[in-house]
Amino acid sequence: SQWLSETGIQDLLTVLAERAERQQK
């Protein structure tokens, strides 16, 4: 998140959470 805005951070974390669930990671 080093260079991301607050919105970018929330989007990134949402994608990572979905990835963890979808791929069982």
PDBML (XML) file of the C-alpha atoms, coordinates in Angstrom:
<?xml version="1.0" encoding="UTF-8" ?>
<PDBx:datablock datablockName="MODEL"
   xmlns:PDBx="http://pdbml.pdb.org/schema/pdbx-v50.xsd"
   xmlns:xsi="http://www.w3.org/2001/XMLSchema-instance"
   xsi:schemaLocation="http://pdbml.pdb.org/schema/pdbx-v50.xsd pdbx-v50.xsd">
   <PDBx:atom_siteCategory>
      <PDBx:atom_site id="1">
         <PDBx:B_iso_or_equiv>0.00</PDBx:B_iso_or_equiv>
         <PDBx:Cartn_x>0.000</PDBx:Cartn_x>
         <PDBx:Cartn_y>0.000</PDBx:Cartn_y>
         <PDBx:Cartn_z>0.000</PDBx:Cartn_z>
         <PDBx:auth_asym_id>A</PDBx:auth_asym_id>
         <PDBx:auth_atom_id>CA</PDBx:auth_atom_id>
         <PDBx:auth_comp_id>SER</PDBx:auth_comp_id>
         <PDBx:auth_seq_id>1</PDBx:auth_seq_id>
         <PDBx:group_PDB>ATOM</PDBx:group_PDB>
         <PDBx:label_alt_id xsi:nil="true" />
         <PDBx:label_asym_id>A</PDBx:label_asym_id>
         <PDBx:label_atom_id>CA</PDBx:label_atom_id>
         <PDBx:label_comp_id>SER</PDBx:label_comp_id>
         <PDBx:label_entity_id>1</PDBx:label_entity_id>
         <PDBx:label_seq_id>1</PDBx:label_seq_id>
         <PDBx:occupancy>1.00</PDBx:occupancy>
         <PDBx:pdbx_PDB_model_num>1</PDBx:pdbx_PDB_model_num>
         <PDBx:type_symbol>C</PDBx:type_symbol>
      </PDBx:atom_site>
      <PDBx:atom_site id="2">
         <PDBx:B_iso_or_equiv>0.00</PDBx:B_iso_or_equiv>
         <PDBx:Cartn_x>3.049</PDBx:Cartn_x>
         <PDBx:Cartn_y>2.270</PDBx:Cartn_y>
         <PDBx:Cartn_z>0.068</PDBx:Cartn_z>
         <PDBx:auth_asym_id>A</PDBx:auth_asym_id>
         <PDBx:auth_atom_id>CA</PDBx:auth_atom_id>
         <PDBx:auth_comp_id>GLN</PDBx:auth_comp_id>
         <PDBx:auth_seq_id>2</PDBx:auth_seq_id>
         <PDBx:group_PDB>ATOM</PDBx:group_PDB>
         <PDBx:label_alt_id xsi:nil="true" />
         <PDBx:label_asym_id>A</PDBx:label_asym_id>
         <PDBx:label_atom_id>CA</PDBx:label_atom_id>
         <PDBx:label_comp_id>GLN</PDBx:label_comp_id>
         <PDBx:label_entity_id>1</PDBx:label_entity_id>
         <PDBx:label_seq_id>2</PDBx:label_seq_id>
         <PDBx:occupancy>1.00</PDBx:occupancy>
         <PDBx:pdbx_PDB_model_num>1</PDBx:pdbx_PDB_model_num>
         <PDBx:type_symbol>C</PDBx:type_symbol>
      </PDBx:atom_site>
      <PDBx:atom_site id="3">
         <PDBx:B_iso_or_equiv>0.00</PDBx:B_iso_or_equiv>
         <PDBx:Cartn_x>2.029</PDBx:Cartn_x>
         <PDBx:Cartn_y>4.437</PDBx:Cartn_y>
         <PDBx:Cartn_z>-2.880</PDBx:Cartn_z>
         <PDBx:auth_asym_id>A</PDBx:auth_asym_id>
         <PDBx:auth_atom_id>CA</PDBx:auth_atom_id>
         <PDBx:auth_comp_id>TRP</PDBx:auth_comp_id>
         <PDBx:auth_seq_id>3</PDBx:auth_seq_id>
         <PDBx:group_PDB>ATOM</PDBx:group_PDB>
         <PDBx:label_alt_id xsi:nil="true" />
         <PDBx:label_asym_id>A</PDBx:label_asym_id>
         <PDBx:label_atom_id>CA</PDBx:label_atom_id>
         <PDBx:label_comp_id>TRP</PDBx:label_comp_id>
         <PDBx:label_entity_id>1</PDBx:label_entity_id>
         <PDBx:label_seq_id>3</PDBx:label_seq_id>
         <PDBx:occupancy>1.00</PDBx:occupancy>
         <PDBx:pdbx_PDB_model_num>1</PDBx:pdbx_PDB_model_num>
         <PDBx:type_symbol>C</PDBx:type_symbol>
      </PDBx:atom_site>
      <PDBx:atom_site id="4">
         <PDBx:B_iso_or_equiv>0.00</PDBx:B_iso_or_equiv>
         <PDBx:Cartn_x>-1.747</PDBx:Cartn_x>
         <PDBx:Cartn_y>3.935</PDBx:Cartn_y>
         <PDBx:Cartn_z>-2.808</PDBx:Cartn_z>
         <PDBx:auth_asym_id>A</PDBx:auth_asym_id>
         <PDBx:auth_atom_id>CA</PDBx:auth_atom_id>
         <PDBx:auth_comp_id>LEU</PDBx:auth_comp_id>
         <PDBx:auth_seq_id>4</PDBx:auth_seq_id>
         <PDBx:group_PDB>ATOM</PDBx:group_PDB>
         <PDBx:label_alt_id xsi:nil="true" />
         <PDBx:label_asym_id>A</PDBx:label_asym_id>
         <PDBx:label_atom_id>CA</PDBx:label_atom_id>
         <PDBx:label_comp_id>LEU</PDBx:label_comp_id>
         <PDBx:label_entity_id>1</PDBx:label_entity_id>
         <PDBx:label_seq_id>4</PDBx:label_seq_id>
         <PDBx:occupancy>1.00</PDBx:occupancy>
         <PDBx:pdbx_PDB_model_num>1</PDBx:pdbx_PDB_model_num>
         <PDBx:type_symbol>C</PDBx:type_symbol>
      </PDBx:atom_site>
      <PDBx:atom_site id="5">
         <PDBx:B_iso_or_equiv>0.00</PDBx:B_iso_or_equiv>
         <PDBx:Cartn_x>-4.517</PDBx:Cartn_x>
         <PDBx:Cartn_y>6.300</PDBx:Cartn_y>
         <PDBx:Cartn_z>-1.783</PDBx:Cartn_z>
         <PDBx:auth_asym_id>A</PDBx:auth_asym_id>
         <PDBx:auth_atom_id>CA</PDBx:auth_atom_id>
         <PDBx:auth_comp_id>SER</PDBx:auth_comp_id>
         <PDBx:auth_seq_id>5</PDBx:auth_seq_id>
         <PDBx:group_PDB>ATOM</PDBx:group_PDB>
         <PDBx:label_alt_id xsi:nil="true" />
         <PDBx:label_asym_id>A</PDBx:label_asym_id>
         <PDBx:label_atom_id>CA</PDBx:label_atom_id>
         <PDBx:label_comp_id>SER</PDBx:label_comp_id>
         <PDBx:label_entity_id>1</PDBx:label_entity_id>
         <PDBx:label_seq_id>5</PDBx:label_seq_id>
         <PDBx:occupancy>1.00</PDBx:occupancy>
         <PDBx:pdbx_PDB_model_num>1</PDBx:pdbx_PDB_model_num>
         <PDBx:type_symbol>C</PDBx:type_symbol>
      </PDBx:atom_site>
      <PDBx:atom_site id="6">
         <PDBx:B_iso_or_equiv>0.00</PDBx:B_iso_or_equiv>
         <PDBx:Cartn_x>-6.989</PDBx:Cartn_x>
         <PDBx:Cartn_y>5.241</PDBx:Cartn_y>
         <PDBx:Cartn_z>0.915</PDBx:Cartn_z>
         <PDBx:auth_asym_id>A</PDBx:auth_asym_id>
         <PDBx:auth_atom_id>CA</PDBx:auth_atom_id>
         <PDBx:auth_comp_id>GLU</PDBx:auth_comp_id>
         <PDBx:auth_seq_id>6</PDBx:auth_seq_id>
         <PDBx:group_PDB>ATOM</PDBx:group_PDB>
         <PDBx:label_alt_id xsi:nil="true" />
         <PDBx:label_asym_id>A</PDBx:label_asym_id>
         <PDBx:label_atom_id>CA</PDBx:label_atom_id>
         <PDBx:label_comp_id>GLU</PDBx:label_comp_id>
         <PDBx:label_entity_id>1</PDBx:label_entity_id>
         <PDBx:label_seq_id>6</PDBx:label_seq_id>
         <PDBx:occupancy>1.00</PDBx:occupancy>
         <PDBx:pdbx_PDB_model_num>1</PDBx:pdbx_PDB_model_num>
         <PDBx:type_symbol>C</PDBx:type_symbol>
      </PDBx:atom_site>
      <PDBx:atom_site id="7">
         <PDBx:B_iso_or_equiv>0.00</PDBx:B_iso_or_equiv>
         <PDBx:Cartn_x>-9.400</PDBx:Cartn_x>
         <PDBx:Cartn_y>4.102</PDBx:Cartn_y>
         <PDBx:Cartn_z>-1.806</PDBx:Cartn_z>
         <PDBx:auth_asym_id>A</PDBx:auth_asym_id>
         <PDBx:auth_atom_id>CA</PDBx:auth_atom_id>
         <PDBx:auth_comp_id>THR</PDBx:auth_comp_id>
         <PDBx:auth_seq_id>7</PDBx:auth_seq_id>
         <PDBx:group_PDB>ATOM</PDBx:group_PDB>
         <PDBx:label_alt_id xsi:nil="true" />
         <PDBx:label_asym_id>A</PDBx:label_asym_id>
         <PDBx:label_atom_id>CA</PDBx:label_atom_id>
         <PDBx:label_comp_id>THR</PDBx:label_comp_id>
         <PDBx:label_entity_id>1</PDBx:label_entity_id>
         <PDBx:label_seq_id>7</PDBx:label_seq_id>
         <PDBx:occupancy>1.00</PDBx:occupancy>
         <PDBx:pdbx_PDB_model_num>1</PDBx:pdbx_PDB_model_num>
         <PDBx:type_symbol>C</PDBx:type_symbol>
      </PDBx:atom_site>
      <PDBx:atom_site id="8">
         <PDBx:B_iso_or_equiv>0.00</PDBx:B_iso_or_equiv>
         <PDBx:Cartn_x>-6.609</PDBx:Cartn_x>
         <PDBx:Cartn_y>2.188</PDBx:Cartn_y>
         <PDBx:Cartn_z>-3.533</PDBx:Cartn_z>
         <PDBx:auth_asym_id>A</PDBx:auth_asym_id>
         <PDBx:auth_atom_id>CA</PDBx:auth_atom_id>
         <PDBx:auth_comp_id>GLY</PDBx:auth_comp_id>
         <PDBx:auth_seq_id>8</PDBx:auth_seq_id>
         <PDBx:group_PDB>ATOM</PDBx:group_PDB>
         <PDBx:label_alt_id xsi:nil="true" />
         <PDBx:label_asym_id>A</PDBx:label_asym_id>
         <PDBx:label_atom_id>CA</PDBx:label_atom_id>
         <PDBx:label_comp_id>GLY</PDBx:label_comp_id>
         <PDBx:label_entity_id>1</PDBx:label_entity_id>
         <PDBx:label_seq_id>8</PDBx:label_seq_id>
         <PDBx:occupancy>1.00</PDBx:occupancy>
         <PDBx:pdbx_PDB_model_num>1</PDBx:pdbx_PDB_model_num>
         <PDBx:type_symbol>C</PDBx:type_symbol>
      </PDBx:atom_site>
      <PDBx:atom_site id="9">
         <PDBx:B_iso_or_equiv>0.00</PDBx:B_iso_or_equiv>
         <PDBx:Cartn_x>-5.712</PDBx:Cartn_x>
         <PDBx:Cartn_y>0.470</PDBx:Cartn_y>
         <PDBx:Cartn_z>-0.255</PDBx:Cartn_z>
         <PDBx:auth_asym_id>A</PDBx:auth_asym_id>
         <PDBx:auth_atom_id>CA</PDBx:auth_atom_id>
         <PDBx:auth_comp_id>ILE</PDBx:auth_comp_id>
         <PDBx:auth_seq_id>9</PDBx:auth_seq_id>
         <PDBx:group_PDB>ATOM</PDBx:group_PDB>
         <PDBx:label_alt_id xsi:nil="true" />
         <PDBx:label_asym_id>A</PDBx:label_asym_id>
         <PDBx:label_atom_id>CA</PDBx:label_atom_id>
         <PDBx:label_comp_id>ILE</PDBx:label_comp_id>
         <PDBx:label_entity_id>1</PDBx:label_entity_id>
         <PDBx:label_seq_id>9</PDBx:label_seq_id>
         <PDBx:occupancy>1.00</PDBx:occupancy>
         <PDBx:pdbx_PDB_model_num>1</PDBx:pdbx_PDB_model_num>
         <PDBx:type_symbol>C</PDBx:type_symbol>
      </PDBx:atom_site>
      <PDBx:atom_site id="10">
         <PDBx:B_iso_or_equiv>0.00</PDBx:B_iso_or_equiv>
         <PDBx:Cartn_x>-9.311</PDBx:Cartn_x>
         <PDBx:Cartn_y>-0.615</PDBx:Cartn_y>
         <PDBx:Cartn_z>0.334</PDBx:Cartn_z>
         <PDBx:auth_asym_id>A</PDBx:auth_asym_id>
         <PDBx:auth_atom_id>CA</PDBx:auth_atom_id>
         <PDBx:auth_comp_id>GLN</PDBx:auth_comp_id>
         <PDBx:auth_seq_id>10</PDBx:auth_seq_id>
         <PDBx:group_PDB>ATOM</PDBx:group_PDB>
         <PDBx:label_alt_id xsi:nil="true" />
         <PDBx:label_asym_id>A</PDBx:label_asym_id>
         <PDBx:label_atom_id>CA</PDBx:label_atom_id>
         <PDBx:label_comp_id>GLN</PDBx:label_comp_id>
         <PDBx:label_entity_id>1</PDBx:label_entity_id>
         <PDBx:label_seq_id>10</PDBx:label_seq_id>
         <PDBx:occupancy>1.00</PDBx:occupancy>
         <PDBx:pdbx_PDB_model_num>1</PDBx:pdbx_PDB_model_num>
         <PDBx:type_symbol>C</PDBx:type_symbol>
      </PDBx:atom_site>
      <PDBx:atom_site id="11">
         <PDBx:B_iso_or_equiv>0.00</PDBx:B_iso_or_equiv>
         <PDBx:Cartn_x>-9.544</PDBx:Cartn_x>
         <PDBx:Cartn_y>-1.920</PDBx:Cartn_y>
         <PDBx:Cartn_z>-3.240</PDBx:Cartn_z>
         <PDBx:auth_asym_id>A</PDBx:auth_asym_id>
         <PDBx:auth_atom_id>CA</PDBx:auth_atom_id>
         <PDBx:auth_comp_id>ASP</PDBx:auth_comp_id>
         <PDBx:auth_seq_id>11</PDBx:auth_seq_id>
         <PDBx:group_PDB>ATOM</PDBx:group_PDB>
         <PDBx:label_alt_id xsi:nil="true" />
         <PDBx:label_asym_id>A</PDBx:label_asym_id>
         <PDBx:label_atom_id>CA</PDBx:label_atom_id>
         <PDBx:label_comp_id>ASP</PDBx:label_comp_id>
         <PDBx:label_entity_id>1</PDBx:label_entity_id>
         <PDBx:label_seq_id>11</PDBx:label_seq_id>
         <PDBx:occupancy>1.00</PDBx:occupancy>
         <PDBx:pdbx_PDB_model_num>1</PDBx:pdbx_PDB_model_num>
         <PDBx:type_symbol>C</PDBx:type_symbol>
      </PDBx:atom_site>
      <PDBx:atom_site id="12">
         <PDBx:B_iso_or_equiv>0.00</PDBx:B_iso_or_equiv>
         <PDBx:Cartn_x>-6.271</PDBx:Cartn_x>
         <PDBx:Cartn_y>-3.828</PDBx:Cartn_y>
         <PDBx:Cartn_z>-2.885</PDBx:Cartn_z>
         <PDBx:auth_asym_id>A</PDBx:auth_asym_id>
         <PDBx:auth_atom_id>CA</PDBx:auth_atom_id>
         <PDBx:auth_comp_id>LEU</PDBx:auth_comp_id>
         <PDBx:auth_seq_id>12</PDBx:auth_seq_id>
         <PDBx:group_PDB>ATOM</PDBx:group_PDB>
         <PDBx:label_alt_id xsi:nil="true" />
         <PDBx:label_asym_id>A</PDBx:label_asym_id>
         <PDBx:label_atom_id>CA</PDBx:label_atom_id>
         <PDBx:label_comp_id>LEU</PDBx:label_comp_id>
         <PDBx:label_entity_id>1</PDBx:label_entity_id>
         <PDBx:label_seq_id>12</PDBx:label_seq_id>
         <PDBx:occupancy>1.00</PDBx:occupancy>
         <PDBx:pdbx_PDB_model_num>1</PDBx:pdbx_PDB_model_num>
         <PDBx:type_symbol>C</PDBx:type_symbol>
      </PDBx:atom_site>
      <PDBx:atom_site id="13">
         <PDBx:B_iso_or_equiv>0.00</PDBx:B_iso_or_equiv>
         <PDBx:Cartn_x>-7.312</PDBx:Cartn_x>
         <PDBx:Cartn_y>-5.418</PDBx:Cartn_y>
         <PDBx:Cartn_z>0.415</PDBx:Cartn_z>
         <PDBx:auth_asym_id>A</PDBx:auth_asym_id>
         <PDBx:auth_atom_id>CA</PDBx:auth_atom_id>
         <PDBx:auth_comp_id>LEU</PDBx:auth_comp_id>
         <PDBx:auth_seq_id>13</PDBx:auth_seq_id>
         <PDBx:group_PDB>ATOM</PDBx:group_PDB>
         <PDBx:label_alt_id xsi:nil="true" />
         <PDBx:label_asym_id>A</PDBx:label_asym_id>
         <PDBx:label_atom_id>CA</PDBx:label_atom_id>
         <PDBx:label_comp_id>LEU</PDBx:label_comp_id>
         <PDBx:label_entity_id>1</PDBx:label_entity_id>
         <PDBx:label_seq_id>13</PDBx:label_seq_id>
         <PDBx:occupancy>1.00</PDBx:occupancy>
         <PDBx:pdbx_PDB_model_num>1</PDBx:pdbx_PDB_model_num>
         <PDBx:type_symbol>C</PDBx:type_symbol>
      </PDBx:atom_site>
      <PDBx:atom_site id="14">
         <PDBx:B_iso_or_equiv>0.00</PDBx:B_iso_or_equiv>
         <PDBx:Cartn_x>-10.679</PDBx:Cartn_x>
         <PDBx:Cartn_y>-6.417</PDBx:Cartn_y>
         <PDBx:Cartn_z>-1.032</PDBx:Cartn_z>
         <PDBx:auth_asym_id>A</PDBx:auth_asym_id>
         <PDBx:auth_atom_id>CA</PDBx:auth_atom_id>
         <PDBx:auth_comp_id>THR</PDBx:auth_comp_id>
         <PDBx:auth_seq_id>14</PDBx:auth_seq_id>
         <PDBx:group_PDB>ATOM</PDBx:group_PDB>
         <PDBx:label_alt_id xsi:nil="true" />
         <PDBx:label_asym_id>A</PDBx:label_asym_id>
         <PDBx:label_atom_id>CA</PDBx:label_atom_id>
         <PDBx:label_comp_id>THR</PDBx:label_comp_id>
         <PDBx:label_entity_id>1</PDBx:label_entity_id>
         <PDBx:label_seq_id>14</PDBx:label_seq_id>
         <PDBx:occupancy>1.00</PDBx:occupancy>
         <PDBx:pdbx_PDB_model_num>1</PDBx:pdbx_PDB_model_num>
         <PDBx:type_symbol>C</PDBx:type_symbol>
      </PDBx:atom_site>
      <PDBx:atom_site id="15">
         <PDBx:B_iso_or_equiv>0.00</PDBx:B_iso_or_equiv>
         <PDBx:Cartn_x>-8.983</PDBx:Cartn_x>
         <PDBx:Cartn_y>-8.105</PDBx:Cartn_y>
         <PDBx:Cartn_z>-3.996</PDBx:Cartn_z>
         <PDBx:auth_asym_id>A</PDBx:auth_asym_id>
         <PDBx:auth_atom_id>CA</PDBx:auth_atom_id>
         <PDBx:auth_comp_id>VAL</PDBx:auth_comp_id>
         <PDBx:auth_seq_id>15</PDBx:auth_seq_id>
         <PDBx:group_PDB>ATOM</PDBx:group_PDB>
         <PDBx:label_alt_id xsi:nil="true" />
         <PDBx:label_asym_id>A</PDBx:label_asym_id>
         <PDBx:label_atom_id>CA</PDBx:label_atom_id>
         <PDBx:label_comp_id>VAL</PDBx:label_comp_id>
         <PDBx:label_entity_id>1</PDBx:label_entity_id>
         <PDBx:label_seq_id>15</PDBx:label_seq_id>
         <PDBx:occupancy>1.00</PDBx:occupancy>
         <PDBx:pdbx_PDB_model_num>1</PDBx:pdbx_PDB_model_num>
         <PDBx:type_symbol>C</PDBx:type_symbol>
      </PDBx:atom_site>
      <PDBx:atom_site id="16">
         <PDBx:B_iso_or_equiv>0.00</PDBx:B_iso_or_equiv>
         <PDBx:Cartn_x>-6.505</PDBx:Cartn_x>
         <PDBx:Cartn_y>-9.917</PDBx:Cartn_y>
         <PDBx:Cartn_z>-1.719</PDBx:Cartn_z>
         <PDBx:auth_asym_id>A</PDBx:auth_asym_id>
         <PDBx:auth_atom_id>CA</PDBx:auth_atom_id>
         <PDBx:auth_comp_id>LEU</PDBx:auth_comp_id>
         <PDBx:auth_seq_id>16</PDBx:auth_seq_id>
         <PDBx:group_PDB>ATOM</PDBx:group_PDB>
         <PDBx:label_alt_id xsi:nil="true" />
         <PDBx:label_asym_id>A</PDBx:label_asym_id>
         <PDBx:label_atom_id>CA</PDBx:label_atom_id>
         <PDBx:label_comp_id>LEU</PDBx:label_comp_id>
         <PDBx:label_entity_id>1</PDBx:label_entity_id>
         <PDBx:label_seq_id>16</PDBx:label_seq_id>
         <PDBx:occupancy>1.00</PDBx:occupancy>
         <PDBx:pdbx_PDB_model_num>1</PDBx:pdbx_PDB_model_num>
         <PDBx:type_symbol>C</PDBx:type_symbol>
      </PDBx:atom_site>
      <PDBx:atom_site id="17">
         <PDBx:B_iso_or_equiv>0.00</PDBx:B_iso_or_equiv>
         <PDBx:Cartn_x>-9.278</PDBx:Cartn_x>
         <PDBx:Cartn_y>-11.121</PDBx:Cartn_y>
         <PDBx:Cartn_z>0.599</PDBx:Cartn_z>
         <PDBx:auth_asym_id>A</PDBx:auth_asym_id>
         <PDBx:auth_atom_id>CA</PDBx:auth_atom_id>
         <PDBx:auth_comp_id>ALA</PDBx:auth_comp_id>
         <PDBx:auth_seq_id>17</PDBx:auth_seq_id>
         <PDBx:group_PDB>ATOM</PDBx:group_PDB>
         <PDBx:label_alt_id xsi:nil="true" />
         <PDBx:label_asym_id>A</PDBx:label_asym_id>
         <PDBx:label_atom_id>CA</PDBx:label_atom_id>
         <PDBx:label_comp_id>ALA</PDBx:label_comp_id>
         <PDBx:label_entity_id>1</PDBx:label_entity_id>
         <PDBx:label_seq_id>17</PDBx:label_seq_id>
         <PDBx:occupancy>1.00</PDBx:occupancy>
         <PDBx:pdbx_PDB_model_num>1</PDBx:pdbx_PDB_model_num>
         <PDBx:type_symbol>C</PDBx:type_symbol>
      </PDBx:atom_site>
      <PDBx:atom_site id="18">
         <PDBx:B_iso_or_equiv>0.00</PDBx:B_iso_or_equiv>
         <PDBx:Cartn_x>-11.273</PDBx:Cartn_x>
         <PDBx:Cartn_y>-12.424</PDBx:Cartn_y>
         <PDBx:Cartn_z>-2.367</PDBx:Cartn_z>
         <PDBx:auth_asym_id>A</PDBx:auth_asym_id>
         <PDBx:auth_atom_id>CA</PDBx:auth_atom_id>
         <PDBx:auth_comp_id>GLU</PDBx:auth_comp_id>
         <PDBx:auth_seq_id>18</PDBx:auth_seq_id>
         <PDBx:group_PDB>ATOM</PDBx:group_PDB>
         <PDBx:label_alt_id xsi:nil="true" />
         <PDBx:label_asym_id>A</PDBx:label_asym_id>
         <PDBx:label_atom_id>CA</PDBx:label_atom_id>
         <PDBx:label_comp_id>GLU</PDBx:label_comp_id>
         <PDBx:label_entity_id>1</PDBx:label_entity_id>
         <PDBx:label_seq_id>18</PDBx:label_seq_id>
         <PDBx:occupancy>1.00</PDBx:occupancy>
         <PDBx:pdbx_PDB_model_num>1</PDBx:pdbx_PDB_model_num>
         <PDBx:type_symbol>C</PDBx:type_symbol>
      </PDBx:atom_site>
      <PDBx:atom_site id="19">
         <PDBx:B_iso_or_equiv>0.00</PDBx:B_iso_or_equiv>
         <PDBx:Cartn_x>-8.143</PDBx:Cartn_x>
         <PDBx:Cartn_y>-14.087</PDBx:Cartn_y>
         <PDBx:Cartn_z>-3.775</PDBx:Cartn_z>
         <PDBx:auth_asym_id>A</PDBx:auth_asym_id>
         <PDBx:auth_atom_id>CA</PDBx:auth_atom_id>
         <PDBx:auth_comp_id>ARG</PDBx:auth_comp_id>
         <PDBx:auth_seq_id>19</PDBx:auth_seq_id>
         <PDBx:group_PDB>ATOM</PDBx:group_PDB>
         <PDBx:label_alt_id xsi:nil="true" />
         <PDBx:label_asym_id>A</PDBx:label_asym_id>
         <PDBx:label_atom_id>CA</PDBx:label_atom_id>
         <PDBx:label_comp_id>ARG</PDBx:label_comp_id>
         <PDBx:label_entity_id>1</PDBx:label_entity_id>
         <PDBx:label_seq_id>19</PDBx:label_seq_id>
         <PDBx:occupancy>1.00</PDBx:occupancy>
         <PDBx:pdbx_PDB_model_num>1</PDBx:pdbx_PDB_model_num>
         <PDBx:type_symbol>C</PDBx:type_symbol>
      </PDBx:atom_site>
      <PDBx:atom_site id="20">
         <PDBx:B_iso_or_equiv>0.00</PDBx:B_iso_or_equiv>
         <PDBx:Cartn_x>-7.434</PDBx:Cartn_x>
         <PDBx:Cartn_y>-15.803</PDBx:Cartn_y>
         <PDBx:Cartn_z>-0.447</PDBx:Cartn_z>
         <PDBx:auth_asym_id>A</PDBx:auth_asym_id>
         <PDBx:auth_atom_id>CA</PDBx:auth_atom_id>
         <PDBx:auth_comp_id>ALA</PDBx:auth_comp_id>
         <PDBx:auth_seq_id>20</PDBx:auth_seq_id>
         <PDBx:group_PDB>ATOM</PDBx:group_PDB>
         <PDBx:label_alt_id xsi:nil="true" />
         <PDBx:label_asym_id>A</PDBx:label_asym_id>
         <PDBx:label_atom_id>CA</PDBx:label_atom_id>
         <PDBx:label_comp_id>ALA</PDBx:label_comp_id>
         <PDBx:label_entity_id>1</PDBx:label_entity_id>
         <PDBx:label_seq_id>20</PDBx:label_seq_id>
         <PDBx:occupancy>1.00</PDBx:occupancy>
         <PDBx:pdbx_PDB_model_num>1</PDBx:pdbx_PDB_model_num>
         <PDBx:type_symbol>C</PDBx:type_symbol>
      </PDBx:atom_site>
      <PDBx:atom_site id="21">
         <PDBx:B_iso_or_equiv>0.00</PDBx:B_iso_or_equiv>
         <PDBx:Cartn_x>-10.966</PDBx:Cartn_x>
         <PDBx:Cartn_y>-17.168</PDBx:Cartn_y>
         <PDBx:Cartn_z>-0.277</PDBx:Cartn_z>
         <PDBx:auth_asym_id>A</PDBx:auth_asym_id>
         <PDBx:auth_atom_id>CA</PDBx:auth_atom_id>
         <PDBx:auth_comp_id>GLU</PDBx:auth_comp_id>
         <PDBx:auth_seq_id>21</PDBx:auth_seq_id>
         <PDBx:group_PDB>ATOM</PDBx:group_PDB>
         <PDBx:label_alt_id xsi:nil="true" />
         <PDBx:label_asym_id>A</PDBx:label_asym_id>
         <PDBx:label_atom_id>CA</PDBx:label_atom_id>
         <PDBx:label_comp_id>GLU</PDBx:label_comp_id>
         <PDBx:label_entity_id>1</PDBx:label_entity_id>
         <PDBx:label_seq_id>21</PDBx:label_seq_id>
         <PDBx:occupancy>1.00</PDBx:occupancy>
         <PDBx:pdbx_PDB_model_num>1</PDBx:pdbx_PDB_model_num>
         <PDBx:type_symbol>C</PDBx:type_symbol>
      </PDBx:atom_site>
      <PDBx:atom_site id="22">
         <PDBx:B_iso_or_equiv>0.00</PDBx:B_iso_or_equiv>
         <PDBx:Cartn_x>-11.276</PDBx:Cartn_x>
         <PDBx:Cartn_y>-18.130</PDBx:Cartn_y>
         <PDBx:Cartn_z>-3.939</PDBx:Cartn_z>
         <PDBx:auth_asym_id>A</PDBx:auth_asym_id>
         <PDBx:auth_atom_id>CA</PDBx:auth_atom_id>
         <PDBx:auth_comp_id>ARG</PDBx:auth_comp_id>
         <PDBx:auth_seq_id>22</PDBx:auth_seq_id>
         <PDBx:group_PDB>ATOM</PDBx:group_PDB>
         <PDBx:label_alt_id xsi:nil="true" />
         <PDBx:label_asym_id>A</PDBx:label_asym_id>
         <PDBx:label_atom_id>CA</PDBx:label_atom_id>
         <PDBx:label_comp_id>ARG</PDBx:label_comp_id>
         <PDBx:label_entity_id>1</PDBx:label_entity_id>
         <PDBx:label_seq_id>22</PDBx:label_seq_id>
         <PDBx:occupancy>1.00</PDBx:occupancy>
         <PDBx:pdbx_PDB_model_num>1</PDBx:pdbx_PDB_model_num>
         <PDBx:type_symbol>C</PDBx:type_symbol>
      </PDBx:atom_site>
      <PDBx:atom_site id="23">
         <PDBx:B_iso_or_equiv>0.00</PDBx:B_iso_or_equiv>
         <PDBx:Cartn_x>-7.896</PDBx:Cartn_x>
         <PDBx:Cartn_y>-19.858</PDBx:Cartn_y>
         <PDBx:Cartn_z>-4.155</PDBx:Cartn_z>
         <PDBx:auth_asym_id>A</PDBx:auth_asym_id>
         <PDBx:auth_atom_id>CA</PDBx:auth_atom_id>
         <PDBx:auth_comp_id>GLN</PDBx:auth_comp_id>
         <PDBx:auth_seq_id>23</PDBx:auth_seq_id>
         <PDBx:group_PDB>ATOM</PDBx:group_PDB>
         <PDBx:label_alt_id xsi:nil="true" />
         <PDBx:label_asym_id>A</PDBx:label_asym_id>
         <PDBx:label_atom_id>CA</PDBx:label_atom_id>
         <PDBx:label_comp_id>GLN</PDBx:label_comp_id>
         <PDBx:label_entity_id>1</PDBx:label_entity_id>
         <PDBx:label_seq_id>23</PDBx:label_seq_id>
         <PDBx:occupancy>1.00</PDBx:occupancy>
         <PDBx:pdbx_PDB_model_num>1</PDBx:pdbx_PDB_model_num>
         <PDBx:type_symbol>C</PDBx:type_symbol>
      </PDBx:atom_site>
      <PDBx:atom_site id="24">
         <PDBx:B_iso_or_equiv>0.00</PDBx:B_iso_or_equiv>
         <PDBx:Cartn_x>-7.856</PDBx:Cartn_x>
         <PDBx:Cartn_y>-21.177</PDBx:Cartn_y>
         <PDBx:Cartn_z>-0.566</PDBx:Cartn_z>
         <PDBx:auth_asym_id>A</PDBx:auth_asym_id>
         <PDBx:auth_atom_id>CA</PDBx:auth_atom_id>
         <PDBx:auth_comp_id>GLN</PDBx:auth_comp_id>
         <PDBx:auth_seq_id>24</PDBx:auth_seq_id>
         <PDBx:group_PDB>ATOM</PDBx:group_PDB>
         <PDBx:label_alt_id xsi:nil="true" />
         <PDBx:label_asym_id>A</PDBx:label_asym_id>
         <PDBx:label_atom_id>CA</PDBx:label_atom_id>
         <PDBx:label_comp_id>GLN</PDBx:label_comp_id>
         <PDBx:label_entity_id>1</PDBx:label_entity_id>
         <PDBx:label_seq_id>24</PDBx:label_seq_id>
         <PDBx:occupancy>1.00</PDBx:occupancy>
         <PDBx:pdbx_PDB_model_num>1</PDBx:pdbx_PDB_model_num>
         <PDBx:type_symbol>C</PDBx:type_symbol>
      </PDBx:atom_site>
      <PDBx:atom_site id="25">
         <PDBx:B_iso_or_equiv>0.00</PDBx:B_iso_or_equiv>
         <PDBx:Cartn_x>-4.619</PDBx:Cartn_x>
         <PDBx:Cartn_y>-19.306</PDBx:Cartn_y>
         <PDBx:Cartn_z>0.162</PDBx:Cartn_z>
         <PDBx:auth_asym_id>A</PDBx:auth_asym_id>
         <PDBx:auth_atom_id>CA</PDBx:auth_atom_id>
         <PDBx:auth_comp_id>LYS</PDBx:auth_comp_id>
         <PDBx:auth_seq_id>25</PDBx:auth_seq_id>
         <PDBx:group_PDB>ATOM</PDBx:group_PDB>
         <PDBx:label_alt_id xsi:nil="true" />
         <PDBx:label_asym_id>A</PDBx:label_asym_id>
         <PDBx:label_atom_id>CA</PDBx:label_atom_id>
         <PDBx:label_comp_id>LYS</PDBx:label_comp_id>
         <PDBx:label_entity_id>1</PDBx:label_entity_id>
         <PDBx:label_seq_id>25</PDBx:label_seq_id>
         <PDBx:occupancy>1.00</PDBx:occupancy>
         <PDBx:pdbx_PDB_model_num>1</PDBx:pdbx_PDB_model_num>
         <PDBx:type_symbol>C</PDBx:type_symbol>
      </PDBx:atom_site>
   </PDBx:atom_siteCategory>
</PDBx:datablock>
